[in-house]
Amino acid sequence: MPQIKTWKTRPAYFVMLEVLTKKGDLTDDELFGHLKSEFDDLGYKDFNDLLLKLEVSGKIRTSSMARGKRRIELVQQ
């Protein structure tokens, strides 16, 4: 019998904000690992799209640490 996919009750951007609230500042690889454990079908392109949307809306801030590494922090409001 094929596996039936169901809708997630929480959107990925909400889970991302929740993880940053609980864990604090993370690198992009660590945050992607947390999201990937909950959303199996999440790709790195989708992850970058989520980061871009949240950064443009002013919820998070990203800064470059080293080549290919980014630090993601939650903006305190």
Protein backbone atom coordinates (compact mmCIF):
# COMPACT_ATOMS: atom_id res chain seq x y z
CA MET A 1 0.00 0.00 0.00
CA PRO A 2 1.47 3.41 -0.95
CA GLN A 3 2.22 5.88 1.78
CA ILE A 4 -0.36 8.67 2.01
CA LYS A 5 1.05 12.16 2.39
CA THR A 6 -0.84 14.56 4.63
CA TRP A 7 -0.66 18.29 5.09
CA LYS A 8 1.53 19.56 7.89
CA THR A 9 -0.36 21.43 10.59
CA ARG A 10 2.42 24.00 10.99
CA PRO A 11 4.08 25.76 8.04
CA ALA A 12 7.84 25.49 7.63
CA TYR A 13 8.49 29.19 8.29
CA PHE A 14 6.71 28.90 11.65
CA VAL A 15 8.82 25.89 12.63
CA MET A 16 11.96 27.82 11.59
CA LEU A 17 11.02 30.75 13.84
CA GLU A 18 10.16 28.33 16.66
CA VAL A 19 13.56 26.60 16.42
CA LEU A 20 15.39 29.94 16.42
CA THR A 21 13.40 31.05 19.48
CA LYS A 22 14.27 27.88 21.40
CA LYS A 23 17.88 27.33 20.27
CA GLY A 24 19.06 30.89 19.63
CA ASP A 25 21.40 31.80 16.77
CA LEU A 26 22.30 28.89 14.47
CA THR A 27 24.28 28.28 11.32
CA ASP A 28 22.36 27.57 8.16
CA ASP A 29 23.42 23.89 8.20
CA GLU A 30 22.20 23.39 11.78
CA LEU A 31 18.87 25.08 11.07
CA PHE A 32 18.41 23.10 7.87
CA GLY A 33 19.04 19.89 9.84
CA HIS A 34 16.31 20.79 12.35
CA LEU A 35 13.82 21.55 9.57
CA LYS A 36 14.79 18.49 7.54
CA SER A 37 14.01 16.24 10.51
CA GLU A 38 10.41 17.48 10.49
CA PHE A 39 9.91 18.12 6.76
CA ASP A 40 11.38 15.20 4.80
CA ASP A 41 10.65 16.73 1.39
CA LEU A 42 12.26 20.12 2.14
CA GLY A 43 15.12 20.89 -0.23
CA TYR A 44 17.94 23.40 0.19
CA LYS A 45 16.39 25.69 -2.44
CA ASP A 46 13.11 25.76 -0.50
CA PHE A 47 15.08 26.45 2.68
CA ASN A 48 16.83 29.41 1.04
CA ASP A 49 13.46 30.73 -0.19
CA LEU A 50 12.13 30.57 3.38
CA LEU A 51 15.21 32.40 4.67
CA LEU A 52 14.79 35.11 2.05
CA LYS A 53 11.09 35.65 2.82
CA LEU A 54 11.71 35.85 6.57
CA GLU A 55 14.67 38.19 6.13
CA VAL A 56 12.74 40.54 3.83
CA SER A 57 9.83 40.61 6.27
CA GLY A 58 12.24 41.57 9.08
CA LYS A 59 11.83 38.44 11.23
CA ILE A 60 15.41 37.13 10.92
CA ARG A 61 18.86 38.45 10.09
CA THR A 62 21.51 36.50 8.20
CA SER A 63 25.20 37.26 8.18
CA SER A 64 28.08 35.58 6.41
CA MET A 65 30.53 33.76 8.68
CA ALA A 66 32.92 31.97 6.35
CA ARG A 67 32.82 30.76 2.80
CA GLY A 68 29.47 29.03 2.37
CA LYS A 69 28.43 29.44 6.02
CA ARG A 70 25.77 31.80 7.29
CA ARG A 71 24.65 32.73 10.78
CA ILE A 72 20.90 33.10 11.22
CA GLU A 73 19.54 35.04 14.16
CA LEU A 74 16.07 36.01 15.24
CA VAL A 75 15.38 39.77 15.28
CA GLN A 76 14.15 40.88 18.70
CA GLN A 77 11.08 43.07 18.47
